[in-house]
Amino acid sequence: MQRLPQTTQLLYVELLQQCAVALPNQRGISFVPKTVNGHRYWYLELVVGGTKRQFSLGRDTEALRSQIDKQKALFAEAAPDLKQREKLVAMLVSGGAFAPGFSDGRVLEVLAQSGVFLSGAVLVGSHAFTTYGNMLGVSWDSAAMQTQDMDLASQRQLEVAMRQDAPDVKSVLLESGMGFFEVPALNPKSPSTSFKLRGQAFHVDLLTPSQGPETDTPVYLSHFKSYAHPMRFMEYLLEDCQGAVIPFRSGVFVNVPNPARFALHKLVVSQRRPVAQQGKARKDLQQATELLDLLLEERPGDIWIALEAALAMPEKFQFQLTDGIGQLPAAIKKAVSAHFNPSASRN
């Protein structure tokens, strides 16, 4: 772990503040007129990768042309701000900030443009961990960041206002032009909750907290019009989230869990991995270790608050967290254990 220069950390804050305000982006969008049977029609043309799609806007009228002109004006008005954000991204990367590869960045951009994160999606897993490096001003050890998965989590229920005009995550991915296809579930009768890039190991998994007895039955999320895989104790992550920005193109605004909760949750997950996934369990521990080491030095209070929240979780979560803490390096284990006593809270 290495510290990022102070100037890079300040650039991140500036980009985050700017990207918190959504701007209309014309990348890959154009308005195309066509003559059909002697009549003029307008189409919205979208180009993603090598895929081009057109959507009819209707027959040419003065009112429709006025709407198109207003949208073009919005694009033109936003262009200088988007250019400034692109410069900030370039400066961030030059200053040592972590930037995703093109496939990862483009997937995040497509999801953000469709409104997935505005509708409550939270980036979890290793992609969240890499984002914490830029947030906290450090560069992580490369082994802790390696991943071919992108995990998106969401609560089963959101505010009603968020469900209006909700994005269809499945369609967003399958129609992105990037080559996504549904990964069949183990049970052929179950809908897919995972989407893979053709010819690559990269895939996106949709997750949601499990409720009641443990089950692998996919859960339908009406606000995403897609199915998600239920995961035990995911609610601990989703109860405290914050905005972050990914340095890709003009910046991608996402949601991530509180870093301290993420670290403690990783300790629990490491204890829940089956024997066949011990490689992933070791990475869970490594990510938790690096985050806790940094937070103990700079933001210890975040850990104490996250530990207090853990005491409200089921006993099984607390037992597995205790076991995970026991596998931390001695100094970190001592500091964290001193503030976590599940047995005392139950007395």
Protein backbone atom coordinates (compact mmCIF):
# COMPACT_ATOMS: atom_id res chain seq x y z
CA MET A 1 0.00 0.00 0.00
CA GLN A 2 1.37 3.40 -1.00
CA ARG A 3 0.06 6.90 -0.38
CA LEU A 4 -1.19 8.89 -3.33
CA PRO A 5 0.17 12.45 -3.67
CA GLN A 6 -1.89 15.11 -1.91
CA THR A 7 -2.61 16.79 -5.24
CA THR A 8 -4.11 13.53 -6.55
CA GLN A 9 -6.32 13.22 -3.47
CA LEU A 10 -7.60 16.76 -3.99
CA LEU A 11 -8.30 16.03 -7.66
CA TYR A 12 -10.40 13.03 -6.61
CA VAL A 13 -12.52 15.18 -4.30
CA GLU A 14 -13.05 17.73 -7.06
CA LEU A 15 -14.09 15.06 -9.57
CA LEU A 16 -16.43 13.47 -7.03
CA GLN A 17 -18.14 16.80 -6.37
CA GLN A 18 -18.57 17.49 -10.07
CA CYS A 19 -19.85 14.00 -10.94
CA ALA A 20 -22.41 14.10 -8.14
CA VAL A 21 -24.32 16.38 -10.54
CA ALA A 22 -25.57 14.39 -13.54
CA LEU A 23 -24.97 15.91 -16.96
CA PRO A 24 -26.49 14.94 -20.33
CA ASN A 25 -23.81 13.15 -22.34
CA GLN A 26 -24.09 12.91 -26.13
CA ARG A 27 -21.45 10.18 -26.47
CA GLY A 28 -22.83 7.62 -28.92
CA ILE A 29 -26.13 9.52 -29.37
CA SER A 30 -27.38 11.26 -32.50
CA PHE A 31 -30.68 12.28 -34.09
CA VAL A 32 -31.22 10.86 -37.57
CA PRO A 33 -33.96 11.84 -40.07
CA LYS A 34 -35.33 9.25 -42.52
CA THR A 35 -37.83 9.39 -45.33
CA VAL A 36 -40.31 6.50 -45.32
CA ASN A 37 -43.09 6.28 -47.92
CA GLY A 38 -42.60 9.92 -48.75
CA HIS A 39 -42.82 11.10 -45.14
CA ARG A 40 -39.98 12.29 -42.93
CA TYR A 41 -39.38 10.63 -39.56
CA TRP A 42 -36.85 11.17 -36.77
CA TYR A 43 -34.87 8.45 -35.01
CA LEU A 44 -32.64 8.42 -31.96
CA GLU A 45 -29.50 6.50 -32.90
CA LEU A 46 -27.40 4.85 -30.18
CA VAL A 47 -23.93 3.46 -30.89
CA VAL A 48 -22.31 1.24 -28.24
CA GLY A 49 -19.14 -0.49 -29.32
CA GLY A 50 -19.83 -1.97 -32.72
CA THR A 51 -23.60 -2.05 -32.22
CA LYS A 52 -25.90 0.60 -33.67
CA ARG A 53 -29.57 0.82 -32.71
CA GLN A 54 -32.29 3.24 -33.77
CA PHE A 55 -35.45 4.17 -31.92
CA SER A 56 -38.30 5.96 -33.65
CA LEU A 57 -39.21 9.36 -32.24
CA GLY A 58 -42.10 9.87 -34.59
CA ARG A 59 -43.08 11.72 -37.71
CA ASP A 60 -41.41 15.03 -38.45
CA THR A 61 -43.30 17.93 -36.87
CA GLU A 62 -42.36 21.39 -35.69
CA ALA A 63 -42.95 20.31 -32.07
CA LEU A 64 -40.68 17.26 -32.42
CA ARG A 65 -37.92 19.31 -34.07
CA SER A 66 -38.20 21.79 -31.20
CA GLN A 67 -37.73 18.99 -28.66
CA ILE A 68 -34.71 17.67 -30.55
CA ASP A 69 -33.20 21.17 -30.71
CA LYS A 70 -33.70 21.61 -26.95
CA GLN A 71 -31.93 18.30 -26.28
CA LYS A 72 -29.06 19.27 -28.58
CA ALA A 73 -28.79 22.55 -26.70
CA LEU A 74 -28.53 20.68 -23.41
CA PHE A 75 -25.77 18.50 -24.88
CA ALA A 76 -23.92 21.60 -26.09
CA GLU A 77 -24.33 23.33 -22.73
CA ALA A 78 -22.92 20.31 -20.85
CA ALA A 79 -19.98 19.75 -23.22
CA PRO A 80 -17.52 22.16 -21.49
CA ASP A 81 -18.21 20.61 -18.07
CA LEU A 82 -17.78 17.08 -19.43
CA LYS A 83 -14.50 18.13 -21.03
CA GLN A 84 -13.32 19.50 -17.68
CA ARG A 85 -14.21 16.20 -16.02
CA GLU A 86 -12.28 14.30 -18.67
CA LYS A 87 -9.24 16.46 -17.87
CA LEU A 88 -9.62 15.73 -14.17
CA VAL A 89 -9.77 11.99 -14.90
CA ALA A 90 -6.58 12.21 -16.97
CA MET A 91 -4.82 14.15 -14.20
CA LEU A 92 -5.99 11.65 -11.59
CA VAL A 93 -4.63 8.70 -13.53
CA SER A 94 -1.35 10.53 -14.15
CA GLY A 95 -1.16 11.16 -10.40
CA GLY A 96 -1.34 7.45 -9.58
CA ALA A 97 -5.08 6.91 -9.05
CA PHE A 98 -6.44 3.51 -9.99
CA ALA A 99 -8.44 3.44 -13.23
CA PRO A 100 -10.41 0.41 -14.47
CA GLY A 101 -9.72 -1.38 -17.74
CA PHE A 102 -11.89 -0.48 -20.71
CA SER A 103 -14.39 -3.35 -20.31
CA ASP A 104 -14.87 -2.68 -16.60
CA GLY A 105 -15.12 1.07 -17.10
CA ARG A 106 -17.51 0.80 -20.03
CA VAL A 107 -19.83 -1.57 -18.12
CA LEU A 108 -19.92 0.84 -15.17
CA GLU A 109 -20.54 3.75 -17.52
CA VAL A 110 -23.41 1.97 -19.27
CA LEU A 111 -25.01 1.06 -15.94
CA ALA A 112 -24.62 4.60 -14.61
CA GLN A 113 -26.05 6.19 -17.76
CA SER A 114 -29.08 3.92 -17.52
CA GLY A 115 -29.79 5.14 -13.98
CA VAL A 116 -28.91 1.93 -12.15
CA PHE A 117 -26.92 3.64 -9.41
CA LEU A 118 -29.44 6.47 -9.10
CA SER A 119 -32.03 3.75 -8.48
CA GLY A 120 -30.10 2.30 -5.57
CA ALA A 121 -27.58 -0.19 -6.94
CA VAL A 122 -24.40 -0.56 -4.88
CA LEU A 123 -21.05 -1.69 -6.22
CA VAL A 124 -19.67 -4.44 -3.96
CA GLY A 125 -16.87 -6.99 -4.19
CA SER A 126 -13.37 -6.24 -5.45
CA HIS A 127 -14.51 -3.37 -7.68
CA ALA A 128 -15.65 -1.56 -4.54
CA PHE A 129 -12.31 -2.33 -2.90
CA THR A 130 -10.35 -0.76 -5.76
CA THR A 131 -12.58 2.30 -5.51
CA TYR A 132 -11.69 2.70 -1.82
CA GLY A 133 -8.05 3.22 -2.75
CA ASN A 134 -8.85 6.44 -4.61
CA MET A 135 -11.34 7.48 -1.93
CA LEU A 136 -8.84 7.01 0.91
CA GLY A 137 -5.80 8.26 -0.99
CA VAL A 138 -3.79 5.07 -1.36
CA SER A 139 -2.69 2.57 -3.98
CA TRP A 140 -3.43 -1.01 -2.96
CA ASP A 141 -1.29 -4.08 -3.41
CA SER A 142 -2.10 -5.43 -6.89
CA ALA A 143 -2.88 -8.96 -5.68
CA ALA A 144 -5.75 -7.67 -3.53
CA MET A 145 -7.40 -5.98 -6.53
CA GLN A 146 -7.41 -8.81 -9.06
CA THR A 147 -10.92 -9.79 -10.09
CA GLN A 148 -12.98 -10.84 -13.07
CA ASP A 149 -16.31 -10.30 -11.31
CA MET A 150 -18.44 -7.19 -10.94
CA ASP A 151 -20.99 -7.50 -8.15
CA LEU A 152 -24.02 -5.20 -7.97
CA ALA A 153 -26.19 -5.38 -4.88
CA SER A 154 -29.51 -3.83 -3.99
CA GLN A 155 -32.09 -4.01 -1.26
CA ARG A 156 -35.30 -5.76 -2.22
CA GLN A 157 -37.37 -2.69 -1.49
CA LEU A 158 -36.65 0.95 -2.28
CA GLU A 159 -38.67 4.12 -1.94
CA VAL A 160 -41.59 4.19 -4.34
CA ALA A 161 -40.16 7.27 -6.06
CA MET A 162 -37.14 5.27 -7.13
CA ARG A 163 -39.25 2.66 -8.89
CA GLN A 164 -40.64 5.05 -11.45
CA ASP A 165 -38.90 4.76 -14.81
CA ALA A 166 -36.57 2.18 -13.24
CA PRO A 167 -33.83 0.72 -15.42
CA ASP A 168 -34.08 -2.84 -16.70
CA VAL A 169 -30.61 -4.08 -15.73
CA LYS A 170 -30.92 -7.26 -17.75
CA SER A 171 -31.81 -5.37 -20.93
CA VAL A 172 -29.18 -2.70 -20.25
CA LEU A 173 -26.45 -5.35 -20.23
CA LEU A 174 -27.78 -7.59 -23.01
CA GLU A 175 -28.45 -4.63 -25.33
CA SER A 176 -25.25 -2.75 -24.52
CA GLY A 177 -23.52 -4.06 -27.65
CA MET A 178 -20.61 -5.30 -25.54
CA GLY A 179 -21.42 -8.99 -26.00
CA PHE A 180 -23.11 -9.89 -22.70
CA PHE A 181 -25.15 -13.07 -22.41
CA GLU A 182 -27.06 -14.66 -19.53
CA VAL A 183 -25.21 -17.32 -17.54
CA PRO A 184 -27.65 -20.22 -17.00
CA ALA A 185 -28.50 -20.94 -13.37
CA LEU A 186 -27.61 -24.33 -11.86
CA ASN A 187 -31.33 -24.98 -11.64
CA PRO A 188 -32.57 -24.80 -15.25
CA LYS A 189 -35.95 -23.59 -13.97
CA SER A 190 -34.40 -20.56 -12.25
CA PRO A 191 -33.80 -17.22 -14.02
CA SER A 192 -30.24 -16.01 -14.46
CA THR A 193 -28.68 -13.53 -12.04
CA SER A 194 -25.30 -13.42 -13.79
CA PHE A 195 -24.20 -11.94 -17.12
CA LYS A 196 -20.91 -12.73 -18.86
CA LEU A 197 -18.94 -11.04 -21.62
CA ARG A 198 -18.60 -13.38 -24.56
CA GLY A 199 -15.01 -14.56 -25.01
CA GLN A 200 -13.91 -13.13 -21.64
CA ALA A 201 -13.94 -14.27 -18.03
CA PHE A 202 -15.51 -10.96 -16.92
CA HIS A 203 -19.10 -11.12 -15.63
CA VAL A 204 -21.64 -9.09 -13.68
CA ASP A 205 -23.54 -10.66 -10.79
CA LEU A 206 -26.73 -9.19 -9.31
CA LEU A 207 -27.07 -9.72 -5.55
CA THR A 208 -29.62 -8.92 -2.83
CA PRO A 209 -29.93 -9.71 0.90
CA SER A 210 -31.52 -13.04 1.69
CA GLN A 211 -34.55 -13.11 3.97
CA GLY A 212 -35.76 -16.05 6.01
CA PRO A 213 -34.17 -19.50 5.57
CA GLU A 214 -31.09 -19.66 3.36
CA THR A 215 -31.94 -20.33 -0.26
CA ASP A 216 -30.44 -20.05 -3.72
CA THR A 217 -33.76 -19.18 -5.34
CA PRO A 218 -33.36 -15.93 -7.31
CA VAL A 219 -35.30 -12.91 -6.07
CA TYR A 220 -37.10 -10.57 -8.47
CA LEU A 221 -36.20 -6.89 -7.91
CA SER A 222 -39.04 -4.83 -9.34
CA HIS A 223 -36.98 -1.62 -9.27
CA PHE A 224 -34.40 -3.24 -11.58
CA LYS A 225 -36.82 -5.50 -13.49
CA SER A 226 -34.25 -8.27 -13.00
CA TYR A 227 -33.51 -11.24 -10.74
CA ALA A 228 -30.77 -11.22 -8.10
CA HIS A 229 -29.03 -13.96 -6.12
CA PRO A 230 -29.89 -13.80 -2.39
CA MET A 231 -26.86 -13.56 -0.08
CA ARG A 232 -26.85 -13.90 3.68
CA PHE A 233 -25.84 -10.76 5.66
CA MET A 234 -25.71 -8.52 2.58
CA GLU A 235 -27.99 -6.07 4.42
CA TYR A 236 -25.06 -5.15 6.69
CA LEU A 237 -23.29 -3.67 3.67
CA LEU A 238 -26.28 -1.91 2.18
CA GLU A 239 -27.42 -0.12 5.34
CA ASP A 240 -24.61 2.44 5.09
CA CYS A 241 -23.50 3.46 1.60
CA GLN A 242 -21.87 6.50 0.03
CA GLY A 243 -21.13 8.01 -3.34
CA ALA A 244 -17.82 7.46 -5.13
CA VAL A 245 -16.42 8.22 -8.55
CA ILE A 246 -14.61 5.92 -10.97
CA PRO A 247 -11.92 7.71 -13.06
CA PHE A 248 -13.09 6.57 -16.48
CA ARG A 249 -13.71 8.97 -19.39
CA SER A 250 -15.62 11.86 -17.78
CA GLY A 251 -16.01 10.06 -14.44
CA VAL A 252 -18.61 7.47 -13.39
CA PHE A 253 -20.60 8.15 -10.22
CA VAL A 254 -21.41 4.96 -8.25
CA ASN A 255 -22.52 3.86 -4.79
CA VAL A 256 -20.25 1.80 -2.52
CA PRO A 257 -20.64 0.45 1.03
CA ASN A 258 -19.05 2.18 4.00
CA PRO A 259 -15.37 1.05 3.86
CA ALA A 260 -15.30 -0.13 7.50
CA ARG A 261 -18.43 -2.23 7.04
CA PHE A 262 -16.98 -3.60 3.80
CA ALA A 263 -13.84 -4.74 5.66
CA LEU A 264 -15.78 -6.44 8.47
CA HIS A 265 -18.20 -8.03 6.01
CA LYS A 266 -15.20 -9.42 4.09
CA LEU A 267 -14.05 -11.12 7.30
CA VAL A 268 -17.46 -12.78 7.62
CA VAL A 269 -17.51 -13.79 3.94
CA SER A 270 -14.03 -15.34 4.31
CA GLN A 271 -15.43 -17.69 6.94
CA ARG A 272 -18.44 -18.64 4.82
CA ARG A 273 -16.46 -19.69 1.75
CA PRO A 274 -16.53 -23.40 0.92
CA VAL A 275 -13.24 -25.32 0.74
CA ALA A 276 -13.19 -25.01 -3.05
CA GLN A 277 -13.06 -21.20 -2.71
CA GLN A 278 -10.17 -20.83 -0.28
CA GLY A 279 -8.30 -18.71 -2.83
CA LYS A 280 -11.15 -16.19 -2.68
CA ALA A 281 -11.22 -16.47 1.12
CA ARG A 282 -7.55 -15.48 1.27
CA LYS A 283 -8.29 -12.46 -0.94
CA ASP A 284 -11.21 -11.53 1.35
CA LEU A 285 -8.82 -11.52 4.30
CA GLN A 286 -6.19 -9.55 2.41
CA GLN A 287 -8.67 -6.84 1.42
CA ALA A 288 -10.05 -6.65 4.96
CA THR A 289 -6.52 -6.45 6.37
CA GLU A 290 -5.44 -3.61 4.08
CA LEU A 291 -8.58 -1.60 4.72
CA LEU A 292 -8.53 -2.08 8.49
CA ASP A 293 -4.82 -1.26 8.67
CA LEU A 294 -5.44 2.07 6.92
CA LEU A 295 -8.63 2.90 8.82
CA LEU A 296 -7.01 2.16 12.19
CA GLU A 297 -4.39 4.74 11.37
CA GLU A 298 -6.60 7.45 9.90
CA ARG A 299 -10.28 6.77 10.75
CA PRO A 300 -10.49 4.35 13.71
CA GLY A 301 -13.88 5.70 14.71
CA ASP A 302 -15.35 4.30 11.49
CA ILE A 303 -14.36 0.81 12.62
CA TRP A 304 -15.83 1.23 16.09
CA ILE A 305 -19.16 2.37 14.61
CA ALA A 306 -19.18 -0.55 12.17
CA LEU A 307 -18.44 -2.96 15.03
CA GLU A 308 -21.35 -1.54 17.03
CA ALA A 309 -23.62 -2.13 14.03
CA ALA A 310 -22.32 -5.71 13.84
CA LEU A 311 -23.63 -6.33 17.37
CA ALA A 312 -27.16 -5.82 15.99
CA MET A 313 -26.64 -8.59 13.42
CA PRO A 314 -27.62 -12.25 14.01
CA GLU A 315 -25.39 -14.34 16.28
CA LYS A 316 -24.07 -16.37 13.36
CA PHE A 317 -22.74 -13.19 11.73
CA GLN A 318 -21.08 -12.19 15.01
CA PHE A 319 -19.49 -15.62 15.50
CA GLN A 320 -18.12 -15.65 11.96
CA LEU A 321 -16.86 -12.08 12.34
CA THR A 322 -15.07 -13.13 15.54
CA ASP A 323 -13.43 -16.03 13.68
CA GLY A 324 -12.42 -13.70 10.85
CA ILE A 325 -10.90 -11.18 13.27
CA GLY A 326 -8.89 -14.06 14.70
CA GLN A 327 -7.13 -14.51 11.34
CA LEU A 328 -5.95 -10.90 11.09
CA PRO A 329 -2.30 -9.93 11.69
CA ALA A 330 -1.56 -9.69 15.42
CA ALA A 331 -1.55 -5.88 15.77
CA ILE A 332 -4.79 -5.38 13.82
CA LYS A 333 -6.41 -8.34 15.58
CA LYS A 334 -5.59 -6.87 18.99
CA ALA A 335 -6.94 -3.42 18.14
CA VAL A 336 -10.20 -4.67 16.60
CA SER A 337 -10.84 -7.39 19.22
CA ALA A 338 -10.56 -4.82 22.01
CA HIS A 339 -13.71 -3.13 20.68
CA PHE A 340 -15.78 -6.20 19.83
CA ASN A 341 -17.26 -8.42 22.54
CA PRO A 342 -20.43 -10.13 21.30
CA SER A 343 -20.91 -12.21 24.47
CA ALA A 344 -21.00 -9.08 26.65
CA SER A 345 -23.67 -7.49 24.45
CA ARG A 346 -25.91 -10.55 24.89
CA ASN A 347 -25.67 -10.52 28.69
